[in-house]
Amino acid sequence: MDPARRTILYRVAQEAFTNVSRHAKASRVEVSIQKLPTGICMKINDNGKSFSVERLFNAKGNKRLGLLGMRERLEMVGGRFAIESASGQGTTVTAEIPLGKDSKLVDAVRENQT
């Protein structure tokens, strides 16, 4: 995987861990990374308290900026972002990113880092 895509996955994981630390009150976090035929899938699952994903994405203010940032980073390279959260089951963040080289990707990541 090229450095730009690795950076995107790293930033998504970093934000997910920050959210677990600040909000979930979890005692366990699991990360899995799987190579797919067309890309990479990373899942981050915690056993913490759940939240309403729909309500959070519709909230106003800063409460959703980290989640929106994760989604935007992945979407700018044709990736997919999903969150599932259920009472008693915790939260799972799924990030799928396609493989391959794309000059637009490198430019977008550089712009996003400044």
Protein backbone atom coordinates (compact mmCIF):
# COMPACT_ATOMS: atom_id res chain seq x y z
CA MET A 1 0.00 0.00 0.00
CA ASP A 2 1.34 3.44 -0.85
CA PRO A 3 2.27 5.90 1.92
CA ALA A 4 -0.77 8.13 1.34
CA ARG A 5 -3.21 5.26 1.93
CA ARG A 6 -1.27 4.08 4.97
CA THR A 7 -1.53 7.59 6.37
CA ILE A 8 -5.29 7.63 5.87
CA LEU A 9 -5.74 4.31 7.69
CA TYR A 10 -3.43 5.48 10.47
CA ARG A 11 -5.42 8.71 10.96
CA VAL A 12 -8.73 6.82 10.99
CA ALA A 13 -7.36 4.42 13.62
CA GLN A 14 -5.93 7.30 15.64
CA GLU A 15 -9.30 9.09 15.73
CA ALA A 16 -11.17 5.87 16.57
CA PHE A 17 -8.82 5.18 19.51
CA THR A 18 -9.23 8.76 20.70
CA ASN A 19 -13.01 8.34 20.65
CA VAL A 20 -12.79 5.07 22.58
CA SER A 21 -10.57 6.71 25.18
CA ARG A 22 -12.77 9.79 25.58
CA HIS A 23 -16.27 8.37 25.30
CA ALA A 24 -16.66 4.59 25.27
CA LYS A 25 -15.41 3.58 28.72
CA ALA A 26 -14.31 0.34 27.10
CA SER A 27 -12.15 -2.32 28.72
CA ARG A 28 -11.22 -3.93 25.40
CA VAL A 29 -10.46 -2.72 21.86
CA GLU A 30 -9.73 -5.06 18.96
CA VAL A 31 -8.25 -4.10 15.61
CA SER A 32 -8.32 -6.31 12.56
CA ILE A 33 -6.84 -5.56 9.17
CA GLN A 34 -7.73 -7.76 6.24
CA LYS A 35 -6.51 -7.69 2.66
CA LEU A 36 -9.40 -7.85 0.22
CA PRO A 37 -9.16 -8.50 -3.53
CA THR A 38 -9.59 -4.77 -4.21
CA GLY A 39 -8.25 -3.15 -1.06
CA ILE A 40 -7.78 -3.21 2.70
CA CYS A 41 -10.47 -3.45 5.39
CA MET A 42 -9.73 -2.27 8.91
CA LYS A 43 -12.20 -2.87 11.74
CA ILE A 44 -11.90 -1.39 15.20
CA ASN A 45 -14.28 -2.87 17.76
CA ASP A 46 -14.71 -1.91 21.40
CA ASN A 47 -16.86 -3.26 24.22
CA GLY A 48 -17.75 0.17 25.54
CA LYS A 49 -21.00 2.03 25.80
CA SER A 50 -22.94 2.51 22.61
CA PHE A 51 -24.39 5.62 21.02
CA SER A 52 -26.93 6.55 18.37
CA VAL A 53 -24.91 6.81 15.16
CA GLU A 54 -27.75 8.53 13.31
CA ARG A 55 -28.29 11.09 16.06
CA LEU A 56 -24.59 11.89 16.25
CA PHE A 57 -24.25 12.43 12.49
CA ASN A 58 -27.27 14.74 12.58
CA ALA A 59 -25.98 16.71 15.61
CA LYS A 60 -24.80 20.27 15.25
CA GLY A 61 -21.49 21.53 16.55
CA ASN A 62 -18.19 19.80 17.28
CA LYS A 63 -19.55 16.47 18.50
CA ARG A 64 -19.18 14.80 15.12
CA LEU A 65 -16.08 16.37 13.59
CA GLY A 66 -13.84 13.37 14.25
CA LEU A 67 -16.29 10.95 12.67
CA LEU A 68 -16.85 13.22 9.69
CA GLY A 69 -13.10 13.59 9.25
CA MET A 70 -12.66 9.81 9.16
CA ARG A 71 -15.42 9.45 6.57
CA GLU A 72 -14.11 12.30 4.43
CA ARG A 73 -10.54 10.93 4.40
CA LEU A 74 -11.76 7.58 3.14
CA GLU A 75 -14.26 8.97 0.64
CA MET A 76 -11.62 11.18 -1.00
CA VAL A 77 -9.87 8.00 -2.18
CA GLY A 78 -12.98 6.03 -3.06
CA GLY A 79 -13.08 4.23 0.27
CA ARG A 80 -15.97 3.34 2.55
CA PHE A 81 -16.60 4.24 6.19
CA ALA A 82 -19.22 2.70 8.48
CA ILE A 83 -20.04 2.74 12.17
CA GLU A 84 -22.22 0.27 14.04
CA SER A 85 -23.05 0.78 17.69
CA ALA A 86 -25.45 -1.30 19.76
CA SER A 87 -26.27 -1.45 23.45
CA GLY A 88 -24.35 -4.23 25.16
CA GLN A 89 -22.21 -4.84 22.06
CA GLY A 90 -20.08 -1.69 21.86
CA THR A 91 -19.06 0.04 18.67
CA THR A 92 -17.40 -1.09 15.44
CA VAL A 93 -15.71 1.30 13.03
CA THR A 94 -15.12 -0.14 9.55
CA ALA A 95 -12.76 1.51 7.08
CA GLU A 96 -12.28 0.09 3.60
CA ILE A 97 -9.70 1.61 1.30
CA PRO A 98 -8.98 0.61 -2.31
CA LEU A 99 -5.47 -0.29 -3.40
CA GLY A 100 -3.63 1.25 -6.32
CA LYS A 101 -1.79 4.42 -7.14
CA ASP A 102 -3.62 7.66 -7.75
CA SER A 103 -1.88 11.01 -8.15
CA LYS A 104 -5.03 12.83 -6.99
CA LEU A 105 -4.80 10.87 -3.73
CA VAL A 106 -1.26 12.02 -3.02
CA ASP A 107 -2.22 15.64 -3.68
CA ALA A 108 -5.34 15.36 -1.48
CA VAL A 109 -3.43 13.84 1.43
CA ARG A 110 -0.72 16.50 1.23
CA GLU A 111 -3.36 19.23 1.17
CA ASN A 112 -5.18 17.66 4.14
CA GLN A 113 -1.97 17.51 6.21
CA THR A 114 -1.33 21.25 5.99
